[in-house]
Amino acid sequence: MSMFDSLIFCKFGLFGGLTVNPIIEALNCVTGWDVDRNEFFKIGERIFNLKRLYNTRLGISRKDDTLPPRMLTQRKGGGTNELPPLNIMLNEYYKYRGWDEFGIPTHEKLKELRLESYLE
């Protein structure tokens, strides 16, 4: 979605059947690039990680990665009486993203994305 937003595509197009391949084709036609699916998604991942770095440098941290209070406290209604295990879920999400336990992209992730210049 980071690439979708960066290219200023309307998300309603997704409901009309817009897929990644025509977006990549349009990007390549307009820019003269030769981006394939893998590079397209890697660019999106770079954007996502740059936004995260920017936000963490402004003070955003794990404490801000939460759900609305109602989802963390209310047990009635819905399909289950269990509350989401938010800390476990965050740990898994951060690991999947290549971030540390505080939600900051790791040096390894930044190197992988060729964002070494943003290492502190």
N, C-alpha and C. Protein backbone atom coordinates (compact mmCIF):
# COMPACT_ATOMS: atom_id res chain seq x y z
N MET A 1 0.82 -1.20 0.00
CA MET A 1 0.00 0.00 0.00
C MET A 1 0.86 1.25 0.00
N SER A 2 2.10 1.15 0.46
CA SER A 2 2.98 2.32 0.43
C SER A 2 3.24 2.76 -1.01
N MET A 3 3.42 1.82 -1.90
CA MET A 3 3.60 2.19 -3.31
C MET A 3 2.30 2.72 -3.89
N PHE A 4 1.21 2.11 -3.55
CA PHE A 4 -0.10 2.55 -4.02
C PHE A 4 -0.32 4.01 -3.63
N ASP A 5 -0.03 4.33 -2.37
CA ASP A 5 -0.18 5.71 -1.89
C ASP A 5 0.81 6.64 -2.56
N SER A 6 2.05 6.21 -2.71
CA SER A 6 3.08 7.07 -3.30
C SER A 6 2.79 7.41 -4.75
N LEU A 7 2.17 6.48 -5.44
CA LEU A 7 1.83 6.71 -6.85
C LEU A 7 0.49 7.41 -7.01
N ILE A 8 -0.16 7.69 -5.89
CA ILE A 8 -1.43 8.41 -5.82
C ILE A 8 -2.52 7.69 -6.63
N PHE A 9 -2.57 6.38 -6.47
CA PHE A 9 -3.67 5.61 -7.05
C PHE A 9 -4.82 5.63 -6.07
N CYS A 10 -6.03 5.72 -6.59
CA CYS A 10 -7.22 5.69 -5.74
C CYS A 10 -7.47 4.27 -5.27
N LYS A 11 -7.62 4.10 -3.97
CA LYS A 11 -7.82 2.77 -3.41
C LYS A 11 -9.16 2.16 -3.83
N PHE A 12 -10.09 2.97 -4.28
CA PHE A 12 -11.35 2.42 -4.75
C PHE A 12 -11.12 1.56 -6.00
N GLY A 13 -10.00 1.78 -6.68
CA GLY A 13 -9.67 0.95 -7.83
C GLY A 13 -9.51 -0.51 -7.47
N LEU A 14 -9.13 -0.78 -6.24
CA LEU A 14 -9.00 -2.16 -5.78
C LEU A 14 -10.33 -2.88 -5.84
N PHE A 15 -11.41 -2.16 -5.53
CA PHE A 15 -12.74 -2.76 -5.57
C PHE A 15 -13.20 -2.99 -7.00
N GLY A 16 -12.58 -2.28 -7.93
CA GLY A 16 -12.91 -2.45 -9.34
C GLY A 16 -12.03 -3.48 -10.02
N GLY A 17 -11.15 -4.09 -9.26
CA GLY A 17 -10.32 -5.16 -9.83
C GLY A 17 -8.90 -4.74 -10.19
N LEU A 18 -8.50 -3.53 -9.84
CA LEU A 18 -7.13 -3.09 -10.13
C LEU A 18 -6.14 -3.98 -9.36
N THR A 19 -5.14 -4.46 -10.07
CA THR A 19 -4.14 -5.33 -9.46
C THR A 19 -2.76 -4.71 -9.62
N VAL A 20 -1.77 -5.39 -9.09
CA VAL A 20 -0.40 -4.86 -9.09
C VAL A 20 0.18 -4.77 -10.49
N ASN A 21 -0.05 -5.75 -11.31
CA ASN A 21 0.60 -5.77 -12.63
C ASN A 21 0.30 -4.54 -13.49
N PRO A 22 -0.96 -4.09 -13.59
CA PRO A 22 -1.20 -2.86 -14.36
C PRO A 22 -0.57 -1.62 -13.73
N ILE A 23 -0.46 -1.60 -12.41
CA ILE A 23 0.19 -0.47 -11.74
C ILE A 23 1.67 -0.44 -12.11
N ILE A 24 2.32 -1.60 -12.07
CA ILE A 24 3.74 -1.68 -12.43
C ILE A 24 3.93 -1.30 -13.90
N GLU A 25 3.04 -1.76 -14.76
CA GLU A 25 3.12 -1.43 -16.18
C GLU A 25 3.00 0.08 -16.38
N ALA A 26 2.05 0.71 -15.69
CA ALA A 26 1.88 2.16 -15.80
C ALA A 26 3.12 2.89 -15.27
N LEU A 27 3.64 2.44 -14.13
CA LEU A 27 4.84 3.05 -13.55
C LEU A 27 6.00 2.98 -14.54
N ASN A 28 6.21 1.83 -15.13
CA ASN A 28 7.30 1.66 -16.09
C ASN A 28 7.10 2.51 -17.34
N CYS A 29 5.86 2.61 -17.82
CA CYS A 29 5.58 3.42 -19.01
C CYS A 29 5.82 4.90 -18.75
N VAL A 30 5.39 5.38 -17.61
CA VAL A 30 5.50 6.80 -17.29
C VAL A 30 6.94 7.22 -16.99
N THR A 31 7.66 6.35 -16.29
CA THR A 31 9.01 6.72 -15.84
C THR A 31 10.13 6.23 -16.75
N GLY A 32 9.83 5.25 -17.60
CA GLY A 32 10.88 4.64 -18.41
C GLY A 32 11.69 3.60 -17.64
N TRP A 33 11.25 3.29 -16.42
CA TRP A 33 11.94 2.29 -15.61
C TRP A 33 11.59 0.90 -16.10
N ASP A 34 12.24 -0.08 -15.50
CA ASP A 34 11.95 -1.48 -15.77
C ASP A 34 11.81 -2.21 -14.44
N VAL A 35 10.83 -1.79 -13.64
CA VAL A 35 10.61 -2.35 -12.31
C VAL A 35 9.79 -3.63 -12.45
N ASP A 36 10.25 -4.71 -11.80
CA ASP A 36 9.46 -5.93 -11.76
C ASP A 36 8.69 -6.00 -10.44
N ARG A 37 7.92 -7.07 -10.26
CA ARG A 37 7.09 -7.20 -9.05
C ARG A 37 7.94 -7.17 -7.78
N ASN A 38 9.06 -7.90 -7.79
CA ASN A 38 9.90 -7.95 -6.59
C ASN A 38 10.42 -6.57 -6.22
N GLU A 39 10.92 -5.83 -7.20
CA GLU A 39 11.45 -4.49 -6.91
C GLU A 39 10.33 -3.54 -6.51
N PHE A 40 9.16 -3.68 -7.11
CA PHE A 40 8.01 -2.86 -6.75
C PHE A 40 7.69 -3.02 -5.26
N PHE A 41 7.62 -4.26 -4.82
CA PHE A 41 7.32 -4.50 -3.40
C PHE A 41 8.48 -4.08 -2.49
N LYS A 42 9.71 -4.20 -2.97
CA LYS A 42 10.87 -3.77 -2.18
C LYS A 42 10.85 -2.25 -2.02
N ILE A 43 10.48 -1.53 -3.07
CA ILE A 43 10.37 -0.07 -2.97
C ILE A 43 9.31 0.30 -1.93
N GLY A 44 8.17 -0.40 -1.96
CA GLY A 44 7.12 -0.16 -0.97
C GLY A 44 7.61 -0.43 0.44
N GLU A 45 8.41 -1.48 0.60
CA GLU A 45 8.95 -1.80 1.92
C GLU A 45 9.93 -0.71 2.37
N ARG A 46 10.71 -0.18 1.43
CA ARG A 46 11.61 0.94 1.79
C ARG A 46 10.82 2.13 2.29
N ILE A 47 9.77 2.47 1.58
CA ILE A 47 8.93 3.61 1.97
C ILE A 47 8.36 3.38 3.36
N PHE A 48 7.82 2.19 3.59
CA PHE A 48 7.21 1.87 4.88
C PHE A 48 8.22 2.00 6.01
N ASN A 49 9.43 1.49 5.79
CA ASN A 49 10.47 1.56 6.82
C ASN A 49 10.98 2.98 7.02
N LEU A 50 11.07 3.77 5.96
CA LEU A 50 11.46 5.17 6.12
C LEU A 50 10.43 5.94 6.94
N LYS A 51 9.15 5.67 6.69
CA LYS A 51 8.11 6.33 7.49
C LYS A 51 8.22 5.92 8.96
N ARG A 52 8.51 4.65 9.19
CA ARG A 52 8.66 4.18 10.57
C ARG A 52 9.86 4.85 11.24
N LEU A 53 10.97 4.94 10.52
CA LEU A 53 12.16 5.61 11.08
C LEU A 53 11.84 7.06 11.43
N TYR A 54 11.18 7.74 10.53
CA TYR A 54 10.82 9.14 10.77
C TYR A 54 9.95 9.25 12.02
N ASN A 55 8.94 8.39 12.12
CA ASN A 55 8.04 8.44 13.28
C ASN A 55 8.77 8.10 14.57
N THR A 56 9.66 7.11 14.56
CA THR A 56 10.37 6.77 15.79
C THR A 56 11.30 7.91 16.20
N ARG A 57 11.85 8.61 15.25
CA ARG A 57 12.71 9.75 15.60
C ARG A 57 11.92 10.91 16.15
N LEU A 58 10.62 10.92 15.89
CA LEU A 58 9.74 11.94 16.47
C LEU A 58 9.14 11.49 17.81
N GLY A 59 9.53 10.29 18.27
CA GLY A 59 9.07 9.83 19.57
C GLY A 59 8.02 8.74 19.56
N ILE A 60 7.56 8.35 18.38
CA ILE A 60 6.60 7.25 18.31
C ILE A 60 7.33 5.97 18.72
N SER A 61 6.68 5.15 19.53
CA SER A 61 7.33 3.92 20.00
C SER A 61 6.29 2.82 20.16
N ARG A 62 6.73 1.74 20.73
CA ARG A 62 5.86 0.59 20.95
C ARG A 62 4.59 0.97 21.70
N LYS A 63 4.69 1.92 22.62
CA LYS A 63 3.52 2.32 23.40
C LYS A 63 2.40 2.88 22.51
N ASP A 64 2.77 3.36 21.34
CA ASP A 64 1.80 3.94 20.41
C ASP A 64 1.20 2.91 19.47
N ASP A 65 1.81 1.73 19.39
CA ASP A 65 1.31 0.66 18.54
C ASP A 65 0.31 -0.15 19.35
N THR A 66 -0.89 0.33 19.39
CA THR A 66 -1.90 -0.29 20.23
C THR A 66 -3.23 -0.35 19.49
N LEU A 67 -4.19 -0.90 20.13
CA LEU A 67 -5.55 -0.98 19.61
C LEU A 67 -6.44 -0.05 20.43
N PRO A 68 -7.62 0.27 19.93
CA PRO A 68 -8.53 1.10 20.72
C PRO A 68 -8.84 0.43 22.06
N PRO A 69 -9.00 1.23 23.12
CA PRO A 69 -9.26 0.67 24.45
C PRO A 69 -10.39 -0.34 24.48
N ARG A 70 -11.42 -0.09 23.72
CA ARG A 70 -12.57 -1.01 23.70
C ARG A 70 -12.16 -2.41 23.29
N MET A 71 -11.25 -2.52 22.32
CA MET A 71 -10.81 -3.83 21.85
C MET A 71 -9.92 -4.53 22.86
N LEU A 72 -9.32 -3.75 23.75
CA LEU A 72 -8.41 -4.33 24.74
C LEU A 72 -9.08 -4.59 26.09
N THR A 73 -10.33 -4.16 26.24
CA THR A 73 -10.98 -4.32 27.54
C THR A 73 -12.33 -5.01 27.47
N GLN A 74 -13.04 -4.86 26.40
CA GLN A 74 -14.40 -5.39 26.33
C GLN A 74 -14.38 -6.86 25.93
N ARG A 75 -15.04 -7.68 26.73
CA ARG A 75 -15.06 -9.11 26.46
C ARG A 75 -16.39 -9.57 25.88
N LYS A 76 -17.42 -8.77 25.96
CA LYS A 76 -18.74 -9.20 25.51
C LYS A 76 -18.94 -8.84 24.03
N GLY A 77 -19.71 -9.68 23.37
CA GLY A 77 -20.02 -9.45 21.98
C GLY A 77 -18.95 -10.04 21.09
N GLY A 78 -19.22 -10.06 19.82
CA GLY A 78 -18.26 -10.63 18.90
C GLY A 78 -18.23 -12.14 18.98
N GLY A 79 -17.19 -12.72 18.43
CA GLY A 79 -17.12 -14.17 18.35
C GLY A 79 -16.36 -14.83 19.48
N THR A 80 -15.77 -14.07 20.35
CA THR A 80 -14.96 -14.67 21.40
C THR A 80 -14.98 -13.82 22.66
N ASN A 81 -14.67 -14.43 23.77
CA ASN A 81 -14.55 -13.69 25.02
C ASN A 81 -13.09 -13.41 25.35
N GLU A 82 -12.19 -13.76 24.44
CA GLU A 82 -10.76 -13.55 24.69
C GLU A 82 -10.33 -12.18 24.18
N LEU A 83 -9.44 -11.57 24.92
CA LEU A 83 -8.85 -10.31 24.49
C LEU A 83 -7.63 -10.61 23.63
N PRO A 84 -7.34 -9.75 22.66
CA PRO A 84 -6.18 -10.01 21.81
C PRO A 84 -4.88 -9.94 22.61
N PRO A 85 -3.96 -10.88 22.37
CA PRO A 85 -2.66 -10.85 23.06
C PRO A 85 -1.74 -9.83 22.38
N LEU A 86 -1.98 -8.56 22.62
CA LEU A 86 -1.33 -7.49 21.87
C LEU A 86 0.19 -7.56 21.94
N ASN A 87 0.78 -7.79 23.11
CA ASN A 87 2.24 -7.83 23.20
C ASN A 87 2.83 -8.95 22.36
N ILE A 88 2.20 -10.10 22.38
CA ILE A 88 2.67 -11.22 21.56
C ILE A 88 2.53 -10.88 20.08
N MET A 89 1.40 -10.29 19.73
CA MET A 89 1.15 -9.92 18.35
C MET A 89 2.16 -8.89 17.87
N LEU A 90 2.47 -7.90 18.70
CA LEU A 90 3.46 -6.89 18.33
C LEU A 90 4.84 -7.51 18.15
N ASN A 91 5.22 -8.41 19.06
CA ASN A 91 6.52 -9.08 18.92
C ASN A 91 6.62 -9.80 17.58
N GLU A 92 5.57 -10.52 17.22
CA GLU A 92 5.56 -11.25 15.96
C GLU A 92 5.59 -10.30 14.77
N TYR A 93 4.83 -9.22 14.84
CA TYR A 93 4.78 -8.25 13.75
C TYR A 93 6.14 -7.57 13.57
N TYR A 94 6.73 -7.14 14.67
CA TYR A 94 8.04 -6.49 14.59
C TYR A 94 9.08 -7.44 14.01
N LYS A 95 9.04 -8.69 14.43
CA LYS A 95 9.99 -9.68 13.91
C LYS A 95 9.78 -9.87 12.41
N TYR A 96 8.53 -9.96 11.98
CA TYR A 96 8.20 -10.11 10.56
C TYR A 96 8.72 -8.93 9.76
N ARG A 97 8.59 -7.73 10.30
CA ARG A 97 9.03 -6.51 9.61
C ARG A 97 10.55 -6.34 9.63
N GLY A 98 11.24 -7.04 10.52
CA GLY A 98 12.68 -6.86 10.65
C GLY A 98 13.00 -5.69 11.56
N TRP A 99 12.16 -5.48 12.56
CA TRP A 99 12.34 -4.39 13.51
C TRP A 99 12.74 -4.98 14.85
N ASP A 100 13.32 -4.14 15.71
CA ASP A 100 13.68 -4.61 17.05
C ASP A 100 12.44 -4.62 17.95
N GLU A 101 12.65 -4.97 19.23
CA GLU A 101 11.51 -5.12 20.14
C GLU A 101 10.81 -3.79 20.45
N PHE A 102 11.43 -2.69 20.04
CA PHE A 102 10.83 -1.36 20.27
C PHE A 102 10.12 -0.84 19.02
N GLY A 103 10.18 -1.63 17.94
CA GLY A 103 9.52 -1.22 16.71
C GLY A 103 10.39 -0.36 15.82
N ILE A 104 11.69 -0.43 15.99
CA ILE A 104 12.62 0.35 15.19
C ILE A 104 13.30 -0.58 14.18
N PRO A 105 13.31 -0.21 12.89
CA PRO A 105 13.98 -1.05 11.90
C PRO A 105 15.43 -1.32 12.31
N THR A 106 15.82 -2.60 12.21
CA THR A 106 17.17 -3.00 12.61
C THR A 106 18.19 -2.56 11.56
N HIS A 107 19.44 -2.55 11.98
CA HIS A 107 20.54 -2.23 11.05
C HIS A 107 20.52 -3.21 9.87
N GLU A 108 20.26 -4.48 10.16
CA GLU A 108 20.22 -5.49 9.11
C GLU A 108 19.12 -5.19 8.10
N LYS A 109 17.94 -4.79 8.59
CA LYS A 109 16.82 -4.48 7.70
C LYS A 109 17.15 -3.27 6.84
N LEU A 110 17.76 -2.25 7.45
CA LEU A 110 18.10 -1.05 6.69
C LEU A 110 19.15 -1.36 5.63
N LYS A 111 20.11 -2.21 5.95
CA LYS A 111 21.11 -2.62 4.96
C LYS A 111 20.46 -3.41 3.83
N GLU A 112 19.55 -4.31 4.19
CA GLU A 112 18.83 -5.11 3.19
C GLU A 112 18.08 -4.21 2.21
N LEU A 113 17.52 -3.12 2.72
CA LEU A 113 16.73 -2.20 1.89
C LEU A 113 17.58 -1.11 1.25
N ARG A 114 18.90 -1.20 1.41
CA ARG A 114 19.84 -0.20 0.88
C ARG A 114 19.53 1.19 1.45
N LEU A 115 19.27 1.22 2.75
CA LEU A 115 18.99 2.47 3.47
C LEU A 115 20.05 2.72 4.52
N GLU A 116 21.30 2.30 4.25
CA GLU A 116 22.37 2.43 5.22
C GLU A 116 22.60 3.87 5.66
N SER A 117 22.31 4.81 4.79
CA SER A 117 22.55 6.22 5.13
C SER A 117 21.65 6.69 6.27
N TYR A 118 20.63 5.92 6.60
CA TYR A 118 19.72 6.30 7.69
C TYR A 118 20.08 5.64 9.01
N LEU A 119 21.19 4.90 9.03
CA LEU A 119 21.66 4.29 10.29
C LEU A 119 22.11 5.38 11.22
N GLU A 120 21.77 5.24 12.49
CA GLU A 120 22.20 6.23 13.49
C GLU A 120 23.47 5.78 14.15
